[in-house]
Protein backbone atom coordinates (compact mmCIF):
# COMPACT_ATOMS: atom_id res chain seq x y z
CA MET A 1 -7.20 -38.13 -25.46
CA MET A 2 -10.25 -36.56 -24.17
CA LEU A 3 -12.02 -38.05 -21.09
CA GLN A 4 -15.84 -38.28 -21.39
CA THR A 5 -17.88 -37.34 -18.05
CA THR A 6 -20.88 -39.71 -17.56
CA VAL A 7 -23.95 -37.63 -17.06
CA PHE A 8 -26.94 -38.70 -15.57
CA ALA A 9 -30.55 -37.04 -15.62
CA ALA A 10 -32.97 -37.26 -13.19
CA ALA A 11 -36.30 -39.22 -14.33
CA ARG A 12 -39.99 -40.14 -12.47
CA SER A 13 -41.45 -43.21 -12.82
CA ARG A 14 -44.86 -43.61 -12.54
CA SER A 15 -46.89 -45.15 -9.80
CA HIS A 16 -48.24 -48.73 -10.09
CA GLY A 17 -50.98 -49.98 -7.72
CA PRO A 18 -49.08 -50.74 -4.08
CA THR A 19 -45.48 -48.88 -5.94
CA ALA A 20 -45.24 -45.64 -5.49
CA ALA A 21 -43.32 -43.09 -7.92
CA GLN A 22 -39.58 -42.83 -7.73
CA TRP A 23 -37.14 -40.66 -9.02
CA HIS A 24 -34.43 -42.81 -11.29
CA ALA A 25 -31.25 -42.18 -13.09
CA VAL A 26 -30.59 -42.08 -16.59
CA GLU A 27 -27.42 -42.11 -18.55
CA LEU A 28 -27.65 -39.28 -21.24
CA HIS A 29 -25.77 -40.53 -24.53
CA ARG A 30 -26.90 -36.74 -25.68
CA PRO A 31 -26.74 -33.44 -24.89
CA THR A 32 -28.95 -32.35 -21.85
CA ALA A 33 -30.96 -29.54 -24.19
CA GLU A 34 -31.72 -32.57 -26.51
CA ILE A 35 -33.66 -34.13 -23.80
CA ASP A 36 -37.48 -33.33 -23.73
CA GLY A 37 -39.19 -35.20 -21.11
CA ALA A 38 -40.38 -38.17 -22.66
CA CYS A 39 -39.42 -41.59 -20.97
CA GLU A 40 -36.28 -43.23 -21.25
CA LEU A 41 -34.83 -46.33 -20.10
CA THR A 42 -33.34 -45.74 -16.52
CA VAL A 43 -30.05 -47.16 -14.97
CA CYS A 44 -31.93 -49.78 -12.69
CA GLY A 45 -34.04 -50.98 -16.21
CA THR A 46 -37.16 -48.82 -15.58
CA LEU A 47 -38.89 -46.61 -18.07
CA ALA A 48 -39.48 -43.41 -16.37
CA ARG A 49 -40.01 -39.73 -17.73
CA VAL A 50 -37.06 -37.20 -18.00
CA ALA A 51 -37.25 -34.23 -15.71
CA PRO A 52 -34.81 -31.92 -17.46
CA ASP A 53 -35.06 -29.39 -14.96
CA GLN A 54 -33.75 -31.94 -12.21
CA THR A 55 -30.46 -32.96 -11.61
CA TRP A 56 -29.07 -36.17 -10.94
CA PRO A 57 -28.48 -37.27 -7.75
CA LEU A 58 -31.61 -35.85 -5.96
CA PRO A 59 -32.08 -34.94 -2.21
CA SER A 60 -35.04 -36.77 -1.78
CA THR A 61 -36.01 -39.78 0.04
CA ASP A 62 -37.92 -41.38 -2.76
CA VAL A 63 -35.26 -42.89 -4.89
CA CYS A 64 -34.95 -45.60 -6.55
CA PRO A 65 -32.11 -47.68 -4.58
CA VAL A 66 -30.61 -49.44 -7.27
CA CYS A 67 -30.31 -46.23 -9.17
CA ALA A 68 -28.39 -44.84 -6.10
CA VAL A 69 -25.81 -47.00 -5.90
CA LEU A 70 -25.37 -47.95 -9.72
CA ALA A 71 -25.48 -43.87 -10.46
CA PRO A 72 -23.71 -42.04 -7.52
């Protein structure tokens, strides 16, 4: 039996009015080589552009608090 490890990528949302851009987590269901920086649905339900060069979790202060809890 093979155990599958959950892999998360970091994604950056856009700022909307008074809401600042934040980093989010995206659960990957395909190899990271296939991630091209397109928008994906994040763990918290936001659409954000995946940053293939960033790994999750990020040590940044502008991280989505919901994603931080759901994708530790």
